[in-house]
């Protein structure tokens, strides 16, 4: 099954569906859309994530789930809700510590159709991947050890990305 992320908002509720083997490459647009909406008015009442067609998720996507949950908890007294989780994904969510932060539900609400396909454009940059892994590293000492070398590499890459972007902007002004 092809990797894809879908989203739709109805009645101040965000519905997200993950499909296939979800990696960092499909995350930038979803992150921007959901973070922007969580910061906007009126307040989001619920965030539902359907993982019934998600075969696998990488650590960046799990870090994004943590980030969504942290942002949502700033305005709500309840966590985001995940449903339809297969055995492989549940094991990953438990091992990394994400499962204890979110609410795992058996009966998801009916998702509105159609959902909008996201993630077909901009690829994940080092700064997005870095932030997602920093979210995971905050969950446990084990995660801190597991991702510390990656964090070092990503920090360097994010600095290079930022310098390249500044140079590009400077060149455009000339």
C-alpha atoms as a PDB file:
ATOM      1  CA  UNK A   1       0.000   0.000   0.000  1.00  0.00           C
ATOM      2  CA  UNK A   2       1.356   3.421  -0.962  1.00  0.00           C
ATOM      3  CA  UNK A   3       2.422   5.832   1.785  1.00  0.00           C
ATOM      4  CA  UNK A   4      -0.107   8.627   2.227  1.00  0.00           C
ATOM      5  CA  UNK A   5      -1.547  11.013   4.789  1.00  0.00           C
ATOM      6  CA  UNK A   6      -5.052  12.428   4.603  1.00  0.00           C
ATOM      7  CA  UNK A   7      -6.745  15.163   6.622  1.00  0.00           C
ATOM      8  CA  UNK A   8     -10.046  16.932   6.971  1.00  0.00           C
ATOM      9  CA  UNK A   9     -11.576  19.227   9.547  1.00  0.00           C
ATOM     10  CA  UNK A  10     -15.268  19.360  10.301  1.00  0.00           C
ATOM     11  CA  UNK A  11     -16.959  21.078  13.244  1.00  0.00           C
ATOM     12  CA  UNK A  12     -13.619  21.945  14.910  1.00  0.00           C
ATOM     13  CA  UNK A  13     -12.536  18.316  14.806  1.00  0.00           C
ATOM     14  CA  UNK A  14      -9.434  17.243  12.908  1.00  0.00           C
ATOM     15  CA  UNK A  15      -9.491  13.840  11.220  1.00  0.00           C
ATOM     16  CA  UNK A  16      -6.175  12.330  10.078  1.00  0.00           C
ATOM     17  CA  UNK A  17      -5.709   9.018   8.282  1.00  0.00           C
ATOM     18  CA  UNK A  18      -2.287   7.417   7.809  1.00  0.00           C
ATOM     19  CA  UNK A  19      -1.843   4.822   5.083  1.00  0.00           C
ATOM     20  CA  UNK A  20       0.948   2.403   4.212  1.00  0.00           C
ATOM     21  CA  UNK A  21       4.513   2.717   5.491  1.00  0.00           C
ATOM     22  CA  UNK A  22       4.460   6.298   6.845  1.00  0.00           C
ATOM     23  CA  UNK A  23       7.830   8.071   6.860  1.00  0.00           C
ATOM     24  CA  UNK A  24       9.232  11.558   7.332  1.00  0.00           C
ATOM     25  CA  UNK A  25       8.752  12.285   3.625  1.00  0.00           C
ATOM     26  CA  UNK A  26       4.985  12.561   3.999  1.00  0.00           C
ATOM     27  CA  UNK A  27       5.025  14.669   7.183  1.00  0.00           C
ATOM     28  CA  UNK A  28       5.850  18.330   6.338  1.00  0.00           C
ATOM     29  CA  UNK A  29       2.472  19.402   5.013  1.00  0.00           C
ATOM     30  CA  UNK A  30       0.553  17.535   7.718  1.00  0.00           C
ATOM     31  CA  UNK A  31       2.687  19.139  10.431  1.00  0.00           C
ATOM     32  CA  UNK A  32       2.169  22.637   9.033  1.00  0.00           C
ATOM     33  CA  UNK A  33      -1.583  22.193   8.598  1.00  0.00           C
ATOM     34  CA  UNK A  34      -2.270  20.652  11.995  1.00  0.00           C
ATOM     35  CA  UNK A  35       0.063  22.922  14.000  1.00  0.00           C
ATOM     36  CA  UNK A  36      -1.407  26.027  12.325  1.00  0.00           C
ATOM     37  CA  UNK A  37      -4.941  24.868  13.010  1.00  0.00           C
ATOM     38  CA  UNK A  38      -4.239  23.983  16.647  1.00  0.00           C
ATOM     39  CA  UNK A  39      -2.984  27.544  17.185  1.00  0.00           C
ATOM     40  CA  UNK A  40      -6.029  29.155  15.501  1.00  0.00           C
ATOM     41  CA  UNK A  41      -9.500  30.053  16.719  1.00  0.00           C
ATOM     42  CA  UNK A  42     -12.019  28.622  17.294  1.00  0.00           C
ATOM     43  CA  UNK A  43     -10.327  25.966  19.373  1.00  0.00           C
ATOM     44  CA  UNK A  44     -10.067  22.427  18.061  1.00  0.00           C
ATOM     45  CA  UNK A  45     -12.333  20.133  20.067  1.00  0.00           C
ATOM     46  CA  UNK A  46     -10.839  16.771  19.077  1.00  0.00           C
ATOM     47  CA  UNK A  47      -8.064  15.245  17.004  1.00  0.00           C
ATOM     48  CA  UNK A  48      -8.669  11.751  15.656  1.00  0.00           C
ATOM     49  CA  UNK A  49      -6.034   9.670  13.883  1.00  0.00           C
ATOM     50  CA  UNK A  50      -7.087   6.532  12.021  1.00  0.00           C
ATOM     51  CA  UNK A  51      -4.197   4.082  11.664  1.00  0.00           C
ATOM     52  CA  UNK A  52      -6.248   1.168  10.306  1.00  0.00           C
ATOM     53  CA  UNK A  53      -4.455   1.306   6.938  1.00  0.00           C
ATOM     54  CA  UNK A  54      -1.043   2.218   8.394  1.00  0.00           C
ATOM     55  CA  UNK A  55       1.296  -0.756   8.036  1.00  0.00           C
ATOM     56  CA  UNK A  56       4.338   0.844   9.682  1.00  0.00           C
ATOM     57  CA  UNK A  57       5.446   4.259  10.954  1.00  0.00           C
ATOM     58  CA  UNK A  58       8.927   5.676  11.319  1.00  0.00           C
ATOM     59  CA  UNK A  59      10.204   7.578  14.337  1.00  0.00           C
ATOM     60  CA  UNK A  60       9.675  10.962  12.673  1.00  0.00           C
ATOM     61  CA  UNK A  61       5.963  10.262  12.272  1.00  0.00           C
ATOM     62  CA  UNK A  62       5.780   9.105  15.897  1.00  0.00           C
ATOM     63  CA  UNK A  63       7.506  12.325  16.966  1.00  0.00           C
ATOM     64  CA  UNK A  64       4.937  14.262  14.972  1.00  0.00           C
ATOM     65  CA  UNK A  65       2.141  12.472  16.867  1.00  0.00           C
ATOM     66  CA  UNK A  66       3.801  13.556  20.135  1.00  0.00           C
ATOM     67  CA  UNK A  67       4.030  17.126  18.854  1.00  0.00           C
ATOM     68  CA  UNK A  68       0.342  17.138  17.861  1.00  0.00           C
ATOM     69  CA  UNK A  69      -0.587  15.804  21.276  1.00  0.00           C
ATOM     70  CA  UNK A  70       1.509  18.411  23.128  1.00  0.00           C
ATOM     71  CA  UNK A  71      -0.008  21.259  21.105  1.00  0.00           C
ATOM     72  CA  UNK A  72      -3.544  19.930  21.528  1.00  0.00           C
ATOM     73  CA  UNK A  73      -3.097  19.569  25.303  1.00  0.00           C
ATOM     74  CA  UNK A  74      -2.289  23.299  25.524  1.00  0.00           C
ATOM     75  CA  UNK A  75      -5.933  24.000  24.655  1.00  0.00           C
ATOM     76  CA  UNK A  76      -7.706  20.833  25.716  1.00  0.00           C
ATOM     77  CA  UNK A  77      -7.811  18.650  28.779  1.00  0.00           C
ATOM     78  CA  UNK A  78      -7.666  15.426  26.806  1.00  0.00           C
ATOM     79  CA  UNK A  79      -5.138  13.842  24.452  1.00  0.00           C
ATOM     80  CA  UNK A  80      -5.509  13.098  20.763  1.00  0.00           C
ATOM     81  CA  UNK A  81      -7.240   9.834  19.891  1.00  0.00           C
ATOM     82  CA  UNK A  82      -5.696   7.017  17.856  1.00  0.00           C
ATOM     83  CA  UNK A  83      -7.640   4.072  16.472  1.00  0.00           C
ATOM     84  CA  UNK A  84      -7.222   1.046  14.215  1.00  0.00           C
ATOM     85  CA  UNK A  85      -3.650   0.334  15.308  1.00  0.00           C
ATOM     86  CA  UNK A  86      -2.131  -2.916  14.037  1.00  0.00           C
ATOM     87  CA  UNK A  87       0.217  -5.047  16.150  1.00  0.00           C
ATOM     88  CA  UNK A  88       3.412  -3.703  14.538  1.00  0.00           C
ATOM     89  CA  UNK A  89       2.463  -0.054  15.003  1.00  0.00           C
ATOM     90  CA  UNK A  90       1.205  -0.651  18.561  1.00  0.00           C
ATOM     91  CA  UNK A  91       4.522  -2.245  19.480  1.00  0.00           C
ATOM     92  CA  UNK A  92       6.377   0.794  18.080  1.00  0.00           C
ATOM     93  CA  UNK A  93       4.102   3.253  19.891  1.00  0.00           C
ATOM     94  CA  UNK A  94       4.568   1.369  23.176  1.00  0.00           C
ATOM     95  CA  UNK A  95       8.340   0.905  22.815  1.00  0.00           C
ATOM     96  CA  UNK A  96       8.978   4.598  22.126  1.00  0.00           C
ATOM     97  CA  UNK A  97       6.484   5.717  24.798  1.00  0.00           C
ATOM     98  CA  UNK A  98       3.897   7.398  22.585  1.00  0.00           C
ATOM     99  CA  UNK A  99       1.069   5.001  23.542  1.00  0.00           C
ATOM    100  CA  UNK A 100       1.005   6.256  27.128  1.00  0.00           C
ATOM    101  CA  UNK A 101       0.491   9.877  26.037  1.00  0.00           C
ATOM    102  CA  UNK A 102      -2.424   9.492  23.635  1.00  0.00           C
ATOM    103  CA  UNK A 103      -5.855   7.939  24.010  1.00  0.00           C
ATOM    104  CA  UNK A 104      -6.193   4.665  22.133  1.00  0.00           C
ATOM    105  CA  UNK A 105      -9.801   4.002  21.218  1.00  0.00           C
ATOM    106  CA  UNK A 106     -11.500   0.948  19.774  1.00  0.00           C
ATOM    107  CA  UNK A 107     -14.460   2.701  18.225  1.00  0.00           C
ATOM    108  CA  UNK A 108     -13.368   5.640  16.113  1.00  0.00           C
ATOM    109  CA  UNK A 109     -15.988   8.088  14.951  1.00  0.00           C
ATOM    110  CA  UNK A 110     -17.022   7.924  11.340  1.00  0.00           C
ATOM    111  CA  UNK A 111     -14.514   9.928   9.317  1.00  0.00           C
ATOM    112  CA  UNK A 112     -15.904  12.497   6.896  1.00  0.00           C
ATOM    113  CA  UNK A 113     -15.297  11.731   3.250  1.00  0.00           C
ATOM    114  CA  UNK A 114     -13.522  12.681   1.155  1.00  0.00           C
ATOM    115  CA  UNK A 115     -10.324  13.375   3.054  1.00  0.00           C
ATOM    116  CA  UNK A 116      -7.665  15.581   1.476  1.00  0.00           C
ATOM    117  CA  UNK A 117      -4.462  13.850   0.378  1.00  0.00           C
ATOM    118  CA  UNK A 118      -1.364  15.570   1.787  1.00  0.00           C
ATOM    119  CA  UNK A 119       2.379  15.196   1.536  1.00  0.00           C
ATOM    120  CA  UNK A 120       2.806  15.051  -2.193  1.00  0.00           C
ATOM    121  CA  UNK A 121       5.072  18.117  -2.379  1.00  0.00           C
ATOM    122  CA  UNK A 122       7.851  19.319  -0.085  1.00  0.00           C
ATOM    123  CA  UNK A 123      10.094  16.644   1.418  1.00  0.00           C
ATOM    124  CA  UNK A 124      11.021  16.577   5.093  1.00  0.00           C
ATOM    125  CA  UNK A 125      14.001  18.718   5.964  1.00  0.00           C
ATOM    126  CA  UNK A 126      16.499  18.050   8.723  1.00  0.00           C
ATOM    127  CA  UNK A 127      14.859  20.591  11.045  1.00  0.00           C
ATOM    128  CA  UNK A 128      11.485  18.806  10.907  1.00  0.00           C
ATOM    129  CA  UNK A 129      13.114  15.412  11.520  1.00  0.00           C
ATOM    130  CA  UNK A 130      15.241  16.901  14.331  1.00  0.00           C
ATOM    131  CA  UNK A 131      12.228  18.432  16.116  1.00  0.00           C
ATOM    132  CA  UNK A 132      10.258  15.179  15.826  1.00  0.00           C
ATOM    133  CA  UNK A 133      13.120  13.213  17.378  1.00  0.00           C
ATOM    134  CA  UNK A 134      13.604  15.773  20.134  1.00  0.00           C
ATOM    135  CA  UNK A 135       9.934  15.226  21.022  1.00  0.00           C
ATOM    136  CA  UNK A 136      10.637  11.490  21.324  1.00  0.00           C
ATOM    137  CA  UNK A 137      13.844  12.045  23.296  1.00  0.00           C
ATOM    138  CA  UNK A 138      11.869  13.930  25.959  1.00  0.00           C
ATOM    139  CA  UNK A 139       9.813  10.793  26.645  1.00  0.00           C
ATOM    140  CA  UNK A 140      12.551   8.618  28.150  1.00  0.00           C
ATOM    141  CA  UNK A 141      16.236   8.190  28.850  1.00  0.00           C
ATOM    142  CA  UNK A 142      16.218   5.176  26.544  1.00  0.00           C
ATOM    143  CA  UNK A 143      14.970   7.351  23.680  1.00  0.00           C
ATOM    144  CA  UNK A 144      17.588   9.953  24.572  1.00  0.00           C
ATOM    145  CA  UNK A 145      20.327   7.324  24.170  1.00  0.00           C
ATOM    146  CA  UNK A 146      18.723   5.772  21.097  1.00  0.00           C
ATOM    147  CA  UNK A 147      18.485   9.046  19.150  1.00  0.00           C
ATOM    148  CA  UNK A 148      21.461  11.064  20.482  1.00  0.00           C
ATOM    149  CA  UNK A 149      23.786  10.333  17.548  1.00  0.00           C
ATOM    150  CA  UNK A 150      20.994  11.082  15.093  1.00  0.00           C
ATOM    151  CA  UNK A 151      20.295  14.374  16.871  1.00  0.00           C
ATOM    152  CA  UNK A 152      23.911  15.411  16.428  1.00  0.00           C
ATOM    153  CA  UNK A 153      23.852  14.685  12.696  1.00  0.00           C
ATOM    154  CA  UNK A 154      20.463  16.369  12.269  1.00  0.00           C
ATOM    155  CA  UNK A 155      21.583  19.510  14.119  1.00  0.00           C
ATOM    156  CA  UNK A 156      24.466  19.903  11.685  1.00  0.00           C
ATOM    157  CA  UNK A 157      22.204  19.260   8.714  1.00  0.00           C
ATOM    158  CA  UNK A 158      19.567  21.697  10.001  1.00  0.00           C
ATOM    159  CA  UNK A 159      22.236  24.387  10.400  1.00  0.00           C
ATOM    160  CA  UNK A 160      23.376  23.780   6.829  1.00  0.00           C
ATOM    161  CA  UNK A 161      19.766  23.957   5.599  1.00  0.00           C
ATOM    162  CA  UNK A 162      19.279  27.262   7.389  1.00  0.00           C
ATOM    163  CA  UNK A 163      22.502  28.695   5.961  1.00  0.00           C
ATOM    164  CA  UNK A 164      21.516  27.578   2.444  1.00  0.00           C
ATOM    165  CA  UNK A 165      18.083  29.139   2.840  1.00  0.00           C
ATOM    166  CA  UNK A 166      19.584  32.436   4.036  1.00  0.00           C
ATOM    167  CA  UNK A 167      22.006  32.441   1.109  1.00  0.00           C
ATOM    168  CA  UNK A 168      19.149  31.763  -1.305  1.00  0.00           C
ATOM    169  CA  UNK A 169      17.122  34.639   0.152  1.00  0.00           C
ATOM    170  CA  UNK A 170      20.160  36.937   0.040  1.00  0.00           C
ATOM    171  CA  UNK A 171      20.791  36.013  -3.613  1.00  0.00           C
ATOM    172  CA  UNK A 172      17.166  36.770  -4.480  1.00  0.00           C
ATOM    173  CA  UNK A 173      17.491  40.249  -2.954  1.00  0.00           C
ATOM    174  CA  UNK A 174      20.569  41.064  -5.065  1.00  0.00           C
END
